[in-house]
Amino acid sequence: MKLYMVRHGQSETNLARKFTGWAQVNLTEKGVEDAKRAGEFLKGRTFDRIYSSDLIRAVQTAQNAIPGCQPVQLPLLREIGLGSLQLRPIDECVAEYGEPFVIHRREHNFVPYGGENQDMMEARVRQFLQMLENDPCGQAVAFAHAGTLQTALDIVLGTRLDRSHLRCLNGSVAVFEYEGGRWLLRTWGGGLE
């Protein structure tokens, strides 16, 4: 089975350089265009299942990429929870919390702020992948977030990559394939041509 995972288009908070986490924010005009560009990459493919995070920016991306679709909305596909950092300007958080915050952010550990850490997020994404393994189909697509796609990649590769060197742009597509009892990466950053 093939799984196409799409990062949502640019959101209002992406544009404003604010943390988003689980906040419900809309796509910008550019975000709608990002979604349509991802839709061009997906065009001509038939999906047995269409999923999205239950956060509105992912749902809007799905609906702009595949007009008329009604994705199954799953909290499992959410971005990492940021707790009290949600909707705050990134630069403001750096100034207020200093070096400990910089370390927490690099380690994807937002528990000190009432959010999640990378282990918690990985457990959610792993649960989603296992759901597909237990009930496979030909092709599925999931509209989610940078952290979701990067975590799926970590799971597939069996390691945690340095995300400062791993680009996951708005509207980009990753393609994974479940074959012989394991997940494989087929494409990273699709749809950006």
Protein backbone atom coordinates (compact mmCIF):
# COMPACT_ATOMS: atom_id res chain seq x y z
CA MET A 1 0.00 0.00 0.00
CA LYS A 2 1.10 3.57 -0.64
CA LEU A 3 0.61 6.43 1.79
CA TYR A 4 0.88 10.00 0.54
CA MET A 5 1.42 12.49 3.37
CA VAL A 6 0.93 16.20 2.64
CA ARG A 7 2.07 19.09 4.80
CA HIS A 8 -0.65 21.73 5.08
CA GLY A 9 -0.33 24.95 3.11
CA GLN A 10 0.98 28.14 4.67
CA SER A 11 -1.12 29.11 7.70
CA GLU A 12 -1.74 32.52 9.23
CA THR A 13 0.67 31.68 12.05
CA ASN A 14 3.36 30.40 9.65
CA LEU A 15 3.22 33.79 7.96
CA ALA A 16 3.33 35.66 11.30
CA ARG A 17 6.22 33.47 12.60
CA LYS A 18 4.18 32.29 15.56
CA PHE A 19 3.99 28.85 17.15
CA THR A 20 0.84 27.04 16.14
CA GLY A 21 0.67 23.59 17.72
CA TRP A 22 -2.96 22.60 18.17
CA ALA A 23 -4.42 26.08 17.56
CA GLN A 24 -7.16 26.30 14.95
CA VAL A 25 -5.81 28.71 12.34
CA ASN A 26 -6.71 29.14 8.68
CA LEU A 27 -4.63 28.96 5.54
CA THR A 28 -3.42 32.17 3.91
CA GLU A 29 -4.02 32.82 0.21
CA LYS A 30 -0.55 31.40 -0.40
CA GLY A 31 -1.57 28.39 1.72
CA VAL A 32 -4.50 27.73 -0.58
CA GLU A 33 -2.09 27.86 -3.53
CA ASP A 34 0.28 25.47 -1.71
CA ALA A 35 -2.63 23.07 -1.29
CA LYS A 36 -3.61 23.31 -4.95
CA ARG A 37 0.00 22.67 -5.97
CA ALA A 38 -0.01 19.52 -3.80
CA GLY A 39 -3.28 18.60 -5.51
CA GLU A 40 -1.51 18.75 -8.89
CA PHE A 41 1.05 16.23 -7.58
CA LEU A 42 -1.79 13.96 -6.39
CA LYS A 43 -3.85 14.40 -9.57
CA GLY A 44 -4.77 11.22 -11.40
CA ARG A 45 -4.34 9.02 -8.34
CA THR A 46 -7.28 7.24 -6.76
CA PHE A 47 -7.32 7.12 -2.98
CA ASP A 48 -9.16 4.45 -1.04
CA ARG A 49 -8.94 6.61 2.07
CA ILE A 50 -8.45 10.33 2.67
CA TYR A 51 -7.35 11.42 6.14
CA SER A 52 -6.44 14.72 7.71
CA SER A 53 -5.45 16.07 11.05
CA ASP A 54 -8.49 17.50 12.82
CA LEU A 55 -6.82 20.94 12.76
CA ILE A 56 -8.50 23.29 10.29
CA ARG A 57 -5.36 24.14 8.30
CA ALA A 58 -4.93 20.46 7.38
CA VAL A 59 -8.65 20.04 6.57
CA GLN A 60 -8.56 23.16 4.36
CA THR A 61 -5.48 21.81 2.59
CA ALA A 62 -7.26 18.52 1.87
CA GLN A 63 -10.34 20.30 0.55
CA ASN A 64 -8.26 22.54 -1.74
CA ALA A 65 -6.00 19.73 -2.95
CA ILE A 66 -8.86 17.31 -3.61
CA PRO A 67 -11.98 19.44 -4.17
CA GLY A 68 -15.14 17.91 -2.75
CA CYS A 69 -13.35 15.47 -0.45
CA GLN A 70 -14.50 14.93 3.11
CA PRO A 71 -11.39 13.65 4.90
CA VAL A 72 -11.61 11.46 7.98
CA GLN A 73 -10.26 13.81 10.66
CA LEU A 74 -7.85 12.19 13.11
CA PRO A 75 -6.23 13.79 16.18
CA LEU A 76 -3.42 11.22 15.69
CA LEU A 77 -2.20 13.35 12.77
CA ARG A 78 -1.92 16.60 14.76
CA GLU A 79 1.24 18.67 15.03
CA ILE A 80 3.18 18.38 18.28
CA GLY A 81 1.34 19.98 21.20
CA LEU A 82 2.99 23.22 22.34
CA GLY A 83 0.99 24.04 25.46
CA SER A 84 1.36 27.67 26.56
CA LEU A 85 3.62 28.50 23.57
CA GLN A 86 0.69 28.18 21.19
CA LEU A 87 0.05 31.35 19.13
CA ARG A 88 3.07 33.13 20.63
CA PRO A 89 5.72 34.75 18.41
CA ILE A 90 8.77 32.50 18.17
CA ASP A 91 11.21 35.38 18.78
CA GLU A 92 9.27 36.42 21.91
CA CYS A 93 9.63 32.89 23.34
CA VAL A 94 13.38 32.89 22.66
CA ALA A 95 13.73 36.26 24.41
CA GLU A 96 11.60 35.25 27.41
CA TYR A 97 12.86 31.71 28.07
CA GLY A 98 16.43 31.94 26.74
CA GLU A 99 18.79 29.00 26.28
CA PRO A 100 16.62 26.38 28.05
CA PHE A 101 13.87 27.12 25.53
CA VAL A 102 16.30 26.87 22.61
CA ILE A 103 17.35 23.41 23.86
CA HIS A 104 13.74 22.30 24.44
CA ARG A 105 12.78 23.44 20.95
CA ARG A 106 15.73 21.66 19.33
CA GLU A 107 14.84 18.47 21.25
CA HIS A 108 11.11 18.85 20.47
CA ASN A 109 10.32 18.80 24.17
CA PHE A 110 7.44 21.13 24.98
CA VAL A 111 6.40 19.34 28.19
CA PRO A 112 7.83 22.20 30.35
CA TYR A 113 5.26 24.48 28.67
CA GLY A 114 2.33 22.06 29.05
CA GLY A 115 2.76 20.45 25.63
CA GLU A 116 4.15 17.21 24.25
CA ASN A 117 7.60 15.80 23.62
CA GLN A 118 8.87 13.87 20.63
CA ASP A 119 8.17 10.48 22.23
CA MET A 120 4.52 11.41 22.71
CA MET A 121 4.18 12.58 19.13
CA GLU A 122 5.95 9.50 17.82
CA ALA A 123 3.49 7.27 19.70
CA ARG A 124 0.57 9.03 17.95
CA VAL A 125 2.10 8.80 14.46
CA ARG A 126 3.11 5.16 15.04
CA GLN A 127 -0.50 4.41 16.06
CA PHE A 128 -1.69 5.92 12.76
CA LEU A 129 0.77 3.84 10.72
CA GLN A 130 -0.22 0.68 12.63
CA MET A 131 -3.87 1.44 11.92
CA LEU A 132 -3.05 1.34 8.20
CA GLU A 133 -0.95 -1.80 8.59
CA ASN A 134 -3.86 -3.59 10.28
CA ASP A 135 -6.39 -2.47 7.67
CA PRO A 136 -4.40 -1.94 4.47
CA CYS A 137 -5.74 -0.44 1.26
CA GLY A 138 -4.22 0.34 -2.13
CA GLN A 139 -3.55 4.05 -1.64
CA ALA A 140 -4.26 6.51 1.16
CA VAL A 141 -3.51 10.19 1.58
CA ALA A 142 -3.09 12.04 4.87
CA PHE A 143 -3.02 15.83 5.20
CA ALA A 144 -1.02 16.82 8.25
CA HIS A 145 1.86 18.95 9.54
CA ALA A 146 5.64 19.26 9.23
CA GLY A 147 6.16 17.54 12.57
CA THR A 148 3.84 14.70 11.58
CA LEU A 149 5.64 14.05 8.29
CA GLN A 150 9.08 14.33 9.89
CA THR A 151 8.05 11.95 12.69
CA ALA A 152 6.72 9.44 10.15
CA LEU A 153 10.08 9.66 8.38
CA ASP A 154 11.93 9.06 11.68
CA ILE A 155 9.79 5.96 12.30
CA VAL A 156 10.34 4.62 8.78
CA LEU A 157 14.12 5.18 8.92
CA GLY A 158 14.41 3.97 12.52
CA THR A 159 16.27 7.07 13.70
CA ARG A 160 15.65 10.66 14.68
CA LEU A 161 16.98 13.00 12.05
CA ASP A 162 18.33 16.48 12.67
CA ARG A 163 15.36 18.51 11.51
CA SER A 164 17.38 21.66 11.01
CA HIS A 165 18.67 19.98 7.84
CA LEU A 166 15.39 18.33 6.83
CA ARG A 167 13.17 20.64 4.82
CA CYS A 168 9.44 20.03 4.92
CA LEU A 169 7.87 22.94 3.07
CA ASN A 170 4.21 23.90 3.07
CA GLY A 171 2.32 21.83 0.51
CA SER A 172 5.09 19.26 0.09
CA VAL A 173 4.29 15.57 -0.28
CA ALA A 174 6.04 12.52 1.15
CA VAL A 175 5.27 9.08 -0.23
CA PHE A 176 5.69 5.98 1.93
CA GLU A 177 5.03 2.39 0.94
CA TYR A 178 4.18 -0.50 3.23
CA GLU A 179 5.74 -3.58 1.70
CA GLY A 180 6.89 -6.88 3.15
CA GLY A 181 5.91 -5.90 6.68
CA ARG A 182 7.83 -2.61 6.72
CA TRP A 183 7.48 1.00 5.68
CA LEU A 184 9.74 2.46 3.01
CA LEU A 185 10.28 6.06 1.89
CA ARG A 186 9.62 6.56 -1.83
CA THR A 187 9.49 10.39 -2.16
CA TRP A 188 10.32 13.35 0.07
CA GLY A 189 9.38 16.90 -0.93
CA GLY A 190 7.16 15.93 -3.86
CA GLY A 191 4.98 18.55 -5.49
CA LEU A 192 7.47 21.38 -5.14
CA GLU A 193 8.59 21.43 -8.75
